[in-house]
Amino acid sequence: MGRKRQRDEKIIHVVFGPGGGRVQKRDQSAAAPALDASTGREPLTDLFSSGEISRLLGISPARLRTFDRAGVVSPTARRRGRRAYSFSDLIALRTAQSLLEQRVRLRDVTRAVGALKRSLPKVTRPLQELRIVSDGQRVIVHTTDGAFEPLTGQMVLDFEVKSLRDDVVRVLRPSAGRERARTAYELYLRASQLDEDPLSMDEAEALYREAVTLDPWLAIAYTNLGNIRFRRHDAEAAELLYKKALEIDVRQPEAQYNLGYVMLERGQPELSVPLFHGAIEADPKFSDAYFNLAMAYEQIGETSKARPFWKNYIALEPSGTWTEIAKRHL
């Protein structure tokens, strides 16, 4: 087996969680855990008290009463016989708050929020498709089907409604957040049983994507999605996914190593060096990272810097796949 083929197999796969780590092979007969479909209350159908709104958005009860009296945003639902805010009201409040932070006059906030609320009934899937932009005079609701522009002005304020849903889960529905995270992790485990077999790779990719939709902070799922894209010769998509994993967990050795590997294969060894160093710092026994760091130094002509990493690799892998290659560099 040639060196190129050997190295192509070194995109690292991991099993996440207690007892996990990098693995070379999996027991394909292992049963995947059963899914718990209970993900708690969905924010789209939730109703919120003024106290919950204050916790989530940082709007004081007094400011909420001012919004109510001024007709900016009022609670439009009832929960247990008391007035409550719907998720649509929550979107309007978030918009009003953002506009006021831009020092927009209350009268103009009222006009802008009114334009937004007239547009919301046209949106059939707000969590999936809704994005709101405004400059304090015009509110534009962007969806996958088009944009609604009731007023005029330039766009400076921008937020996705999905991020508001994630904030609700994180701040107000921690139990729902835990259930979503658990279900996402179980999807991840199922995918990790499938992602190295070309016949089941599509299913694995779909499961990983479902997992990160449920839990956008599951960094290792982004890493393994990147691995799938790399195996499919889509290095650009792999790079973005590894970077996403590192935005969430800056020290994750697998994402650092794999991103470094992409840079090395692309002919940018100078960019791979800090990534391999980061992988080694996070996991000092990551032997493949020593090998590729030494290779990167060789490619940029710094042979003296490469030598200790060749030695480190040999010490960790005295009979490893690339040991003879490493010895020839000493």
C-alpha atoms as a PDB file:
ATOM      1  CA  MET A   1       0.000   0.000   0.000  1.00  0.00           C
ATOM      2  CA  GLY A   2       1.464   3.368  -1.043  1.00  0.00           C
ATOM      3  CA  ARG A   3       2.016   6.200   1.353  1.00  0.00           C
ATOM      4  CA  LYS A   4      -0.681   8.369  -0.254  1.00  0.00           C
ATOM      5  CA  ARG A   5      -3.313   5.706   0.244  1.00  0.00           C
ATOM      6  CA  GLN A   6      -2.143   5.057   3.796  1.00  0.00           C
ATOM      7  CA  ARG A   7      -2.361   8.732   4.684  1.00  0.00           C
ATOM      8  CA  ASP A   8      -5.816   9.122   3.125  1.00  0.00           C
ATOM      9  CA  GLU A   9      -7.096   6.654   5.698  1.00  0.00           C
ATOM     10  CA  LYS A  10      -5.870   8.836   8.539  1.00  0.00           C
ATOM     11  CA  ILE A  11      -8.818  11.225   8.685  1.00  0.00           C
ATOM     12  CA  ILE A  12      -9.697  10.522  12.286  1.00  0.00           C
ATOM     13  CA  HIS A  13     -13.002   9.094  13.464  1.00  0.00           C
ATOM     14  CA  VAL A  14     -14.013   9.457  17.095  1.00  0.00           C
ATOM     15  CA  VAL A  15     -16.516   8.031  19.508  1.00  0.00           C
ATOM     16  CA  PHE A  16     -17.680  10.812  21.803  1.00  0.00           C
ATOM     17  CA  GLY A  17     -18.570  10.494  25.471  1.00  0.00           C
ATOM     18  CA  PRO A  18     -17.451   8.333  28.397  1.00  0.00           C
ATOM     19  CA  GLY A  19     -15.124   5.582  27.246  1.00  0.00           C
ATOM     20  CA  GLY A  20     -14.832   7.156  23.793  1.00  0.00           C
ATOM     21  CA  GLY A  21     -11.897   8.341  21.772  1.00  0.00           C
ATOM     22  CA  ARG A  22     -10.339   7.815  18.368  1.00  0.00           C
ATOM     23  CA  VAL A  23     -11.007   4.426  16.851  1.00  0.00           C
ATOM     24  CA  GLN A  24      -9.759   2.635  13.764  1.00  0.00           C
ATOM     25  CA  LYS A  25     -12.563   0.081  13.434  1.00  0.00           C
ATOM     26  CA  ARG A  26     -16.038  -0.315  14.827  1.00  0.00           C
ATOM     27  CA  ASP A  27     -18.095  -3.330  15.720  1.00  0.00           C
ATOM     28  CA  GLN A  28     -20.765  -3.024  13.049  1.00  0.00           C
ATOM     29  CA  SER A  29     -22.970  -5.456  14.931  1.00  0.00           C
ATOM     30  CA  ALA A  30     -23.275  -3.166  17.939  1.00  0.00           C
ATOM     31  CA  ALA A  31     -26.829  -2.061  18.431  1.00  0.00           C
ATOM     32  CA  ALA A  32     -27.453   1.655  18.249  1.00  0.00           C
ATOM     33  CA  PRO A  33     -29.190   3.192  21.259  1.00  0.00           C
ATOM     34  CA  ALA A  34     -32.907   3.725  21.029  1.00  0.00           C
ATOM     35  CA  LEU A  35     -34.025   7.289  20.455  1.00  0.00           C
ATOM     36  CA  ASP A  36     -36.004   9.211  22.988  1.00  0.00           C
ATOM     37  CA  ALA A  37     -38.215  11.354  20.820  1.00  0.00           C
ATOM     38  CA  SER A  38     -39.280  13.565  23.699  1.00  0.00           C
ATOM     39  CA  THR A  39     -37.672  16.924  23.067  1.00  0.00           C
ATOM     40  CA  GLY A  40     -39.767  18.992  25.433  1.00  0.00           C
ATOM     41  CA  ARG A  41     -41.878  21.987  24.545  1.00  0.00           C
ATOM     42  CA  GLU A  42     -41.328  23.519  21.151  1.00  0.00           C
ATOM     43  CA  PRO A  43     -40.869  27.320  21.390  1.00  0.00           C
ATOM     44  CA  LEU A  44     -43.073  27.945  18.363  1.00  0.00           C
ATOM     45  CA  THR A  45     -46.112  26.772  20.325  1.00  0.00           C
ATOM     46  CA  ASP A  46     -44.965  28.032  23.728  1.00  0.00           C
ATOM     47  CA  LEU A  47     -46.575  30.828  25.710  1.00  0.00           C
ATOM     48  CA  PHE A  48     -44.391  33.029  27.896  1.00  0.00           C
ATOM     49  CA  SER A  49     -45.010  35.053  31.041  1.00  0.00           C
ATOM     50  CA  SER A  50     -43.611  38.554  31.437  1.00  0.00           C
ATOM     51  CA  GLY A  51     -41.100  37.166  33.935  1.00  0.00           C
ATOM     52  CA  GLU A  52     -39.841  34.639  31.384  1.00  0.00           C
ATOM     53  CA  ILE A  53     -39.566  37.357  28.760  1.00  0.00           C
ATOM     54  CA  SER A  54     -37.504  39.456  31.169  1.00  0.00           C
ATOM     55  CA  ARG A  55     -35.132  36.546  31.791  1.00  0.00           C
ATOM     56  CA  LEU A  56     -34.762  35.746  28.116  1.00  0.00           C
ATOM     57  CA  LEU A  57     -34.437  39.181  26.535  1.00  0.00           C
ATOM     58  CA  GLY A  58     -33.303  41.274  29.487  1.00  0.00           C
ATOM     59  CA  ILE A  59     -36.310  43.591  29.122  1.00  0.00           C
ATOM     60  CA  SER A  60     -37.494  44.891  32.466  1.00  0.00           C
ATOM     61  CA  PRO A  61     -41.131  44.385  33.533  1.00  0.00           C
ATOM     62  CA  ALA A  62     -41.532  48.168  33.483  1.00  0.00           C
ATOM     63  CA  ARG A  63     -40.360  48.330  29.855  1.00  0.00           C
ATOM     64  CA  LEU A  64     -42.738  45.491  28.937  1.00  0.00           C
ATOM     65  CA  ARG A  65     -45.616  47.443  30.497  1.00  0.00           C
ATOM     66  CA  THR A  66     -44.543  50.514  28.504  1.00  0.00           C
ATOM     67  CA  PHE A  67     -44.540  48.476  25.293  1.00  0.00           C
ATOM     68  CA  ASP A  68     -47.990  47.166  26.177  1.00  0.00           C
ATOM     69  CA  ARG A  69     -49.509  50.570  26.982  1.00  0.00           C
ATOM     70  CA  ALA A  70     -47.935  52.198  23.905  1.00  0.00           C
ATOM     71  CA  GLY A  71     -49.230  49.458  21.637  1.00  0.00           C
ATOM     72  CA  VAL A  72     -45.721  48.453  20.551  1.00  0.00           C
ATOM     73  CA  VAL A  73     -46.040  44.816  21.612  1.00  0.00           C
ATOM     74  CA  SER A  74     -48.791  43.427  23.819  1.00  0.00           C
ATOM     75  CA  PRO A  75     -49.314  39.855  24.996  1.00  0.00           C
ATOM     76  CA  THR A  76     -51.801  38.275  22.592  1.00  0.00           C
ATOM     77  CA  ALA A  77     -52.383  34.901  24.308  1.00  0.00           C
ATOM     78  CA  ARG A  78     -53.519  33.553  27.648  1.00  0.00           C
ATOM     79  CA  ARG A  79     -51.901  30.931  29.869  1.00  0.00           C
ATOM     80  CA  ARG A  80     -53.711  29.672  32.978  1.00  0.00           C
ATOM     81  CA  GLY A  81     -56.173  32.534  32.661  1.00  0.00           C
ATOM     82  CA  ARG A  82     -53.480  35.240  32.527  1.00  0.00           C
ATOM     83  CA  ARG A  83     -52.173  37.268  29.616  1.00  0.00           C
ATOM     84  CA  ALA A  84     -49.119  35.692  28.000  1.00  0.00           C
ATOM     85  CA  TYR A  85     -46.798  36.297  25.077  1.00  0.00           C
ATOM     86  CA  SER A  86     -46.786  34.018  22.044  1.00  0.00           C
ATOM     87  CA  PHE A  87     -43.665  33.170  20.047  1.00  0.00           C
ATOM     88  CA  SER A  88     -44.769  35.741  17.442  1.00  0.00           C
ATOM     89  CA  ASP A  89     -44.938  38.327  20.243  1.00  0.00           C
ATOM     90  CA  LEU A  90     -41.448  37.234  21.270  1.00  0.00           C
ATOM     91  CA  ILE A  91     -40.162  37.900  17.743  1.00  0.00           C
ATOM     92  CA  ALA A  92     -41.751  41.362  17.846  1.00  0.00           C
ATOM     93  CA  LEU A  93     -40.254  42.100  21.272  1.00  0.00           C
ATOM     94  CA  ARG A  94     -36.802  41.039  20.102  1.00  0.00           C
ATOM     95  CA  THR A  95     -37.154  43.360  17.123  1.00  0.00           C
ATOM     96  CA  ALA A  96     -38.369  46.258  19.280  1.00  0.00           C
ATOM     97  CA  GLN A  97     -35.526  45.772  21.730  1.00  0.00           C
ATOM     98  CA  SER A  98     -32.938  45.717  18.938  1.00  0.00           C
ATOM     99  CA  LEU A  99     -34.354  48.884  17.376  1.00  0.00           C
ATOM    100  CA  LEU A 100     -34.333  50.747  20.679  1.00  0.00           C
ATOM    101  CA  GLU A 101     -30.695  49.740  21.155  1.00  0.00           C
ATOM    102  CA  GLN A 102     -30.076  51.542  17.831  1.00  0.00           C
ATOM    103  CA  ARG A 103     -31.574  54.705  19.461  1.00  0.00           C
ATOM    104  CA  VAL A 104     -34.663  54.585  17.263  1.00  0.00           C
ATOM    105  CA  ARG A 105     -37.613  56.667  18.468  1.00  0.00           C
ATOM    106  CA  LEU A 106     -40.441  54.766  20.136  1.00  0.00           C
ATOM    107  CA  ARG A 107     -42.895  56.009  17.498  1.00  0.00           C
ATOM    108  CA  ASP A 108     -40.743  54.516  14.723  1.00  0.00           C
ATOM    109  CA  VAL A 109     -40.296  51.309  16.693  1.00  0.00           C
ATOM    110  CA  THR A 110     -44.089  51.013  16.847  1.00  0.00           C
ATOM    111  CA  ARG A 111     -44.379  51.484  13.075  1.00  0.00           C
ATOM    112  CA  ALA A 112     -41.616  48.977  12.361  1.00  0.00           C
ATOM    113  CA  VAL A 113     -42.982  46.319  14.710  1.00  0.00           C
ATOM    114  CA  GLY A 114     -46.456  46.805  13.275  1.00  0.00           C
ATOM    115  CA  ALA A 115     -45.064  46.171   9.800  1.00  0.00           C
ATOM    116  CA  LEU A 116     -43.337  43.048  11.069  1.00  0.00           C
ATOM    117  CA  LYS A 117     -46.466  41.649  12.711  1.00  0.00           C
ATOM    118  CA  ARG A 118     -48.433  42.174   9.499  1.00  0.00           C
ATOM    119  CA  SER A 119     -45.819  40.144   7.650  1.00  0.00           C
ATOM    120  CA  LEU A 120     -45.585  37.267  10.119  1.00  0.00           C
ATOM    121  CA  PRO A 121     -48.868  35.577   9.046  1.00  0.00           C
ATOM    122  CA  LYS A 122     -47.339  35.125   5.578  1.00  0.00           C
ATOM    123  CA  VAL A 123     -44.546  32.980   6.999  1.00  0.00           C
ATOM    124  CA  THR A 124     -45.498  29.319   7.197  1.00  0.00           C
ATOM    125  CA  ARG A 125     -42.301  27.950   8.781  1.00  0.00           C
ATOM    126  CA  PRO A 126     -40.790  30.757  10.867  1.00  0.00           C
ATOM    127  CA  LEU A 127     -38.207  28.649  12.701  1.00  0.00           C
ATOM    128  CA  GLN A 128     -36.834  27.278   9.458  1.00  0.00           C
ATOM    129  CA  GLU A 129     -37.057  30.256   7.146  1.00  0.00           C
ATOM    130  CA  LEU A 130     -37.524  33.580   8.931  1.00  0.00           C
ATOM    131  CA  ARG A 131     -34.848  36.252   9.073  1.00  0.00           C
ATOM    132  CA  ILE A 132     -35.480  39.856  10.030  1.00  0.00           C
ATOM    133  CA  VAL A 133     -33.523  42.939   8.972  1.00  0.00           C
ATOM    134  CA  SER A 134     -34.174  46.591   9.689  1.00  0.00           C
ATOM    135  CA  ASP A 135     -32.611  50.021  10.034  1.00  0.00           C
ATOM    136  CA  GLY A 136     -35.242  51.254  12.494  1.00  0.00           C
ATOM    137  CA  GLN A 137     -37.680  52.418   9.858  1.00  0.00           C
ATOM    138  CA  ARG A 138     -38.065  49.514   7.468  1.00  0.00           C
ATOM    139  CA  VAL A 139     -38.585  45.959   8.698  1.00  0.00           C
ATOM    140  CA  ILE A 140     -37.913  43.297   6.067  1.00  0.00           C
ATOM    141  CA  VAL A 141     -38.962  39.716   6.624  1.00  0.00           C
ATOM    142  CA  HIS A 142     -36.857  37.377   4.498  1.00  0.00           C
ATOM    143  CA  THR A 143     -38.094  33.852   3.846  1.00  0.00           C
ATOM    144  CA  THR A 144     -37.149  31.088   1.438  1.00  0.00           C
ATOM    145  CA  ASP A 145     -40.077  32.204  -0.727  1.00  0.00           C
ATOM    146  CA  GLY A 146     -39.213  35.887  -0.907  1.00  0.00           C
ATOM    147  CA  ALA A 147     -39.105  39.058   1.161  1.00  0.00           C
ATOM    148  CA  PHE A 148     -41.785  41.362   2.581  1.00  0.00           C
ATOM    149  CA  GLU A 149     -40.837  45.059   2.789  1.00  0.00           C
ATOM    150  CA  PRO A 150     -43.661  47.105   4.313  1.00  0.00           C
ATOM    151  CA  LEU A 151     -41.641  50.274   5.080  1.00  0.00           C
ATOM    152  CA  THR A 152     -38.553  52.035   3.671  1.00  0.00           C
ATOM    153  CA  GLY A 153     -34.909  52.470   4.669  1.00  0.00           C
ATOM    154  CA  GLN A 154     -31.577  50.638   4.680  1.00  0.00           C
ATOM    155  CA  MET A 155     -30.837  47.362   6.432  1.00  0.00           C
ATOM    156  CA  VAL A 156     -28.503  47.226   9.416  1.00  0.00           C
ATOM    157  CA  LEU A 157     -30.210  45.090  12.049  1.00  0.00           C
ATOM    158  CA  ASP A 158     -30.133  41.374  11.288  1.00  0.00           C
ATOM    159  CA  PHE A 159     -31.102  38.264  13.261  1.00  0.00           C
ATOM    160  CA  GLU A 160     -32.344  34.766  12.521  1.00  0.00           C
ATOM    161  CA  VAL A 161     -35.450  33.616  14.336  1.00  0.00           C
ATOM    162  CA  LYS A 162     -33.962  30.127  14.745  1.00  0.00           C
ATOM    163  CA  SER A 163     -31.340  31.618  17.077  1.00  0.00           C
ATOM    164  CA  LEU A 164     -34.181  33.059  19.154  1.00  0.00           C
ATOM    165  CA  ARG A 165     -35.676  29.557  19.409  1.00  0.00           C
ATOM    166  CA  ASP A 166     -32.291  28.239  20.583  1.00  0.00           C
ATOM    167  CA  ASP A 167     -32.147  30.995  23.225  1.00  0.00           C
ATOM    168  CA  VAL A 168     -35.589  29.970  24.483  1.00  0.00           C
ATOM    169  CA  VAL A 169     -34.443  26.369  24.885  1.00  0.00           C
ATOM    170  CA  ARG A 170     -31.198  27.375  26.578  1.00  0.00           C
ATOM    171  CA  VAL A 171     -32.610  30.006  28.969  1.00  0.00           C
ATOM    172  CA  LEU A 172     -36.247  29.102  29.588  1.00  0.00           C
ATOM    173  CA  ARG A 173     -36.506  25.402  28.759  1.00  0.00           C
ATOM    174  CA  PRO A 174     -33.325  23.795  30.106  1.00  0.00           C
ATOM    175  CA  SER A 175     -35.035  20.428  30.482  1.00  0.00           C
ATOM    176  CA  ALA A 176     -36.111  20.599  26.849  1.00  0.00           C
ATOM    177  CA  GLY A 177     -32.551  21.569  25.983  1.00  0.00           C
ATOM    178  CA  ARG A 178     -31.216  18.517  27.808  1.00  0.00           C
ATOM    179  CA  GLU A 179     -33.673  16.252  26.022  1.00  0.00           C
ATOM    180  CA  ARG A 180     -32.726  17.745  22.665  1.00  0.00           C
ATOM    181  CA  ALA A 181     -29.029  17.300  23.443  1.00  0.00           C
ATOM    182  CA  ARG A 182     -29.569  13.688  24.507  1.00  0.00           C
ATOM    183  CA  THR A 183     -31.531  12.880  21.367  1.00  0.00           C
ATOM    184  CA  ALA A 184     -28.859  14.611  19.250  1.00  0.00           C
ATOM    185  CA  TYR A 185     -26.135  12.553  20.908  1.00  0.00           C
ATOM    186  CA  GLU A 186     -28.058   9.343  20.258  1.00  0.00           C
ATOM    187  CA  LEU A 187     -28.404  10.331  16.596  1.00  0.00           C
ATOM    188  CA  TYR A 188     -24.668  10.981  16.572  1.00  0.00           C
ATOM    189  CA  LEU A 189     -23.977   7.499  17.960  1.00  0.00           C
ATOM    190  CA  ARG A 190     -26.171   5.907  15.296  1.00  0.00           C
ATOM    191  CA  ALA A 191     -24.397   7.858  12.574  1.00  0.00           C
ATOM    192  CA  SER A 192     -20.978   6.840  13.903  1.00  0.00           C
ATOM    193  CA  GLN A 193     -21.903   3.216  13.222  1.00  0.00           C
ATOM    194  CA  LEU A 194     -22.601   4.016   9.576  1.00  0.00           C
ATOM    195  CA  ASP A 195     -20.274   6.735   8.351  1.00  0.00           C
ATOM    196  CA  GLU A 196     -17.349   4.665   7.063  1.00  0.00           C
ATOM    197  CA  ASP A 197     -19.381   2.333   4.859  1.00  0.00           C
ATOM    198  CA  PRO A 198     -20.061   3.908   1.438  1.00  0.00           C
ATOM    199  CA  LEU A 199     -23.418   2.118   1.330  1.00  0.00           C
ATOM    200  CA  SER A 200     -24.647   3.799   4.518  1.00  0.00           C
ATOM    201  CA  MET A 201     -22.771   7.102   4.299  1.00  0.00           C
ATOM    202  CA  ASP A 202     -25.832   9.010   3.057  1.00  0.00           C
ATOM    203  CA  GLU A 203     -27.816   7.834   6.058  1.00  0.00           C
ATOM    204  CA  ALA A 204     -24.961   8.758   8.396  1.00  0.00           C
ATOM    205  CA  GLU A 205     -24.734  12.254   6.938  1.00  0.00           C
ATOM    206  CA  ALA A 206     -28.478  12.765   7.345  1.00  0.00           C
ATOM    207  CA  LEU A 207     -28.302  11.616  10.980  1.00  0.00           C
ATOM    208  CA  TYR A 208     -25.382  13.920  11.769  1.00  0.00           C
ATOM    209  CA  ARG A 209     -27.234  16.863  10.229  1.00  0.00           C
ATOM    210  CA  GLU A 210     -30.334  16.055  12.242  1.00  0.00           C
ATOM    211  CA  ALA A 211     -28.165  15.874  15.357  1.00  0.00           C
ATOM    212  CA  VAL A 212     -26.666  19.347  14.884  1.00  0.00           C
ATOM    213  CA  THR A 213     -30.115  20.755  14.114  1.00  0.00           C
ATOM    214  CA  LEU A 214     -31.280  19.508  17.515  1.00  0.00           C
ATOM    215  CA  ASP A 215     -28.044  20.433  19.300  1.00  0.00           C
ATOM    216  CA  PRO A 216     -26.039  23.103  17.443  1.00  0.00           C
ATOM    217  CA  TRP A 217     -23.266  22.781  20.070  1.00  0.00           C
ATOM    218  CA  LEU A 218     -22.442  19.101  19.364  1.00  0.00           C
ATOM    219  CA  ALA A 219     -18.987  19.881  18.008  1.00  0.00           C
ATOM    220  CA  ILE A 220     -17.905  16.317  17.280  1.00  0.00           C
ATOM    221  CA  ALA A 221     -20.863  15.810  14.928  1.00  0.00           C
ATOM    222  CA  TYR A 222     -19.572  18.694  12.786  1.00  0.00           C
ATOM    223  CA  THR A 223     -16.149  17.038  12.770  1.00  0.00           C
ATOM    224  CA  ASN A 224     -17.552  13.751  11.543  1.00  0.00           C
ATOM    225  CA  LEU A 225     -19.697  15.520   8.964  1.00  0.00           C
ATOM    226  CA  GLY A 226     -16.464  17.082   7.773  1.00  0.00           C
ATOM    227  CA  ASN A 227     -14.930  13.629   7.523  1.00  0.00           C
ATOM    228  CA  ILE A 228     -17.769  12.484   5.278  1.00  0.00           C
ATOM    229  CA  ARG A 229     -17.379  15.501   3.020  1.00  0.00           C
ATOM    230  CA  PHE A 230     -13.616  14.907   2.850  1.00  0.00           C
ATOM    231  CA  ARG A 231     -14.100  11.272   1.863  1.00  0.00           C
ATOM    232  CA  ARG A 232     -16.399  12.525  -0.871  1.00  0.00           C
ATOM    233  CA  HIS A 233     -13.635  14.792  -2.188  1.00  0.00           C
ATOM    234  CA  ASP A 234     -15.369  17.970  -1.013  1.00  0.00           C
ATOM    235  CA  ALA A 235     -12.466  19.500   0.887  1.00  0.00           C
ATOM    236  CA  GLU A 236     -13.998  22.993   0.966  1.00  0.00           C
ATOM    237  CA  ALA A 237     -17.132  21.797   2.760  1.00  0.00           C
ATOM    238  CA  ALA A 238     -14.986  19.674   5.087  1.00  0.00           C
ATOM    239  CA  GLU A 239     -12.907  22.730   5.960  1.00  0.00           C
ATOM    240  CA  LEU A 240     -16.007  24.756   6.875  1.00  0.00           C
ATOM    241  CA  LEU A 241     -17.340  21.951   9.065  1.00  0.00           C
ATOM    242  CA  TYR A 242     -14.023  21.516  10.905  1.00  0.00           C
ATOM    243  CA  LYS A 243     -13.928  25.271  11.506  1.00  0.00           C
ATOM    244  CA  LYS A 244     -17.486  25.147  12.821  1.00  0.00           C
ATOM    245  CA  ALA A 245     -16.468  22.393  15.253  1.00  0.00           C
ATOM    246  CA  LEU A 246     -13.556  24.548  16.447  1.00  0.00           C
ATOM    247  CA  GLU A 247     -15.807  27.583  16.930  1.00  0.00           C
ATOM    248  CA  ILE A 248     -17.673  25.458  19.465  1.00  0.00           C
ATOM    249  CA  ASP A 249     -14.713  23.580  20.973  1.00  0.00           C
ATOM    250  CA  VAL A 250     -11.487  25.372  20.137  1.00  0.00           C
ATOM    251  CA  ARG A 251      -9.345  22.605  21.638  1.00  0.00           C
ATOM    252  CA  GLN A 252     -10.925  19.611  19.937  1.00  0.00           C
ATOM    253  CA  PRO A 253      -7.879  17.647  18.716  1.00  0.00           C
ATOM    254  CA  GLU A 254      -9.705  15.735  15.981  1.00  0.00           C
ATOM    255  CA  ALA A 255     -11.018  18.870  14.277  1.00  0.00           C
ATOM    256  CA  GLN A 256      -7.628  20.576  14.558  1.00  0.00           C
ATOM    257  CA  TYR A 257      -5.854  17.535  13.142  1.00  0.00           C
ATOM    258  CA  ASN A 258      -8.297  17.036  10.280  1.00  0.00           C
ATOM    259  CA  LEU A 259      -8.304  20.714   9.331  1.00  0.00           C
ATOM    260  CA  GLY A 260      -4.505  20.657   9.419  1.00  0.00           C
ATOM    261  CA  TYR A 261      -4.564  17.597   7.189  1.00  0.00           C
ATOM    262  CA  VAL A 262      -6.791  19.411   4.664  1.00  0.00           C
ATOM    263  CA  MET A 263      -4.329  22.336   4.618  1.00  0.00           C
ATOM    264  CA  LEU A 264      -1.410  19.953   4.141  1.00  0.00           C
ATOM    265  CA  GLU A 265      -3.095  18.135   1.262  1.00  0.00           C
ATOM    266  CA  ARG A 266      -3.942  21.505  -0.305  1.00  0.00           C
ATOM    267  CA  GLY A 267      -0.271  22.454  -0.374  1.00  0.00           C
ATOM    268  CA  GLN A 268      -0.459  24.961   2.500  1.00  0.00           C
ATOM    269  CA  PRO A 269       1.787  23.343   5.126  1.00  0.00           C
ATOM    270  CA  GLU A 270       2.441  26.683   6.840  1.00  0.00           C
ATOM    271  CA  LEU A 271      -1.270  26.843   7.727  1.00  0.00           C
ATOM    272  CA  SER A 272      -1.326  23.257   8.974  1.00  0.00           C
ATOM    273  CA  VAL A 273       1.541  23.724  11.468  1.00  0.00           C
ATOM    274  CA  PRO A 274      -0.421  25.596  14.207  1.00  0.00           C
ATOM    275  CA  LEU A 275      -3.338  23.197  13.799  1.00  0.00           C
ATOM    276  CA  PHE A 276      -1.168  20.106  14.324  1.00  0.00           C
ATOM    277  CA  HIS A 277       0.480  21.853  17.289  1.00  0.00           C
ATOM    278  CA  GLY A 278      -2.995  22.523  18.709  1.00  0.00           C
ATOM    279  CA  ALA A 279      -4.000  18.881  18.307  1.00  0.00           C
ATOM    280  CA  ILE A 280      -0.830  17.768  20.125  1.00  0.00           C
ATOM    281  CA  GLU A 281      -1.343  20.308  22.909  1.00  0.00           C
ATOM    282  CA  ALA A 282      -4.889  19.020  23.425  1.00  0.00           C
ATOM    283  CA  ASP A 283      -3.794  15.363  23.192  1.00  0.00           C
ATOM    284  CA  PRO A 284      -0.055  14.745  23.709  1.00  0.00           C
ATOM    285  CA  LYS A 285      -0.453  11.090  22.645  1.00  0.00           C
ATOM    286  CA  PHE A 286      -1.945  11.937  19.254  1.00  0.00           C
ATOM    287  CA  SER A 287       0.769  10.159  17.270  1.00  0.00           C
ATOM    288  CA  ASP A 288      -0.560  10.944  13.787  1.00  0.00           C
ATOM    289  CA  ALA A 289      -0.443  14.657  14.591  1.00  0.00           C
ATOM    290  CA  TYR A 290       3.310  14.360  15.329  1.00  0.00           C
ATOM    291  CA  PHE A 291       3.857  12.629  11.990  1.00  0.00           C
ATOM    292  CA  ASN A 292       1.974  15.212   9.963  1.00  0.00           C
ATOM    293  CA  LEU A 293       3.496  18.118  11.873  1.00  0.00           C
ATOM    294  CA  ALA A 294       6.944  16.765  10.995  1.00  0.00           C
ATOM    295  CA  MET A 295       5.807  16.390   7.383  1.00  0.00           C
ATOM    296  CA  ALA A 296       4.561  19.981   7.331  1.00  0.00           C
ATOM    297  CA  TYR A 297       7.892  21.276   8.631  1.00  0.00           C
ATOM    298  CA  GLU A 298       9.721  19.237   5.978  1.00  0.00           C
ATOM    299  CA  GLN A 299       7.551  20.763   3.258  1.00  0.00           C
ATOM    300  CA  ILE A 300       8.308  24.325   4.335  1.00  0.00           C
ATOM    301  CA  GLY A 301      12.035  23.528   4.484  1.00  0.00           C
ATOM    302  CA  GLU A 302      12.474  23.532   8.276  1.00  0.00           C
ATOM    303  CA  THR A 303      14.009  20.083   8.621  1.00  0.00           C
ATOM    304  CA  SER A 304      15.586  20.799  12.002  1.00  0.00           C
ATOM    305  CA  LYS A 305      12.157  21.584  13.477  1.00  0.00           C
ATOM    306  CA  ALA A 306      10.749  18.390  12.006  1.00  0.00           C
ATOM    307  CA  ARG A 307      13.269  16.042  13.679  1.00  0.00           C
ATOM    308  CA  PRO A 308      11.869  16.037  17.241  1.00  0.00           C
ATOM    309  CA  PHE A 309       8.379  15.292  15.901  1.00  0.00           C
ATOM    310  CA  TRP A 310       9.642  12.362  13.826  1.00  0.00           C
ATOM    311  CA  LYS A 311      11.188  11.064  17.051  1.00  0.00           C
ATOM    312  CA  ASN A 312       7.965  11.657  18.996  1.00  0.00           C
ATOM    313  CA  TYR A 313       6.005   9.682  16.433  1.00  0.00           C
ATOM    314  CA  ILE A 314       8.462   6.765  16.562  1.00  0.00           C
ATOM    315  CA  ALA A 315       8.369   6.753  20.370  1.00  0.00           C
ATOM    316  CA  LEU A 316       4.567   6.575  20.347  1.00  0.00           C
ATOM    317  CA  GLU A 317       4.348   4.164  17.407  1.00  0.00           C
ATOM    318  CA  PRO A 318       7.480   1.961  17.408  1.00  0.00           C
ATOM    319  CA  SER A 319       5.825  -0.375  14.916  1.00  0.00           C
ATOM    320  CA  GLY A 320       3.237   1.964  13.448  1.00  0.00           C
ATOM    321  CA  THR A 321       2.014   2.346   9.894  1.00  0.00           C
ATOM    322  CA  TRP A 322       4.424   5.154   9.103  1.00  0.00           C
ATOM    323  CA  THR A 323       7.326   4.267  11.429  1.00  0.00           C
ATOM    324  CA  GLU A 324       9.753   3.306   8.651  1.00  0.00           C
ATOM    325  CA  ILE A 325       8.920   6.523   6.801  1.00  0.00           C
ATOM    326  CA  ALA A 326       9.642   8.532   9.955  1.00  0.00           C
ATOM    327  CA  LYS A 327      12.958   6.736  10.521  1.00  0.00           C
ATOM    328  CA  ARG A 328      14.144   7.551   7.019  1.00  0.00           C
ATOM    329  CA  HIS A 329      13.839  11.264   7.864  1.00  0.00           C
ATOM    330  CA  LEU A 330      16.277  11.019  10.811  1.00  0.00           C
END
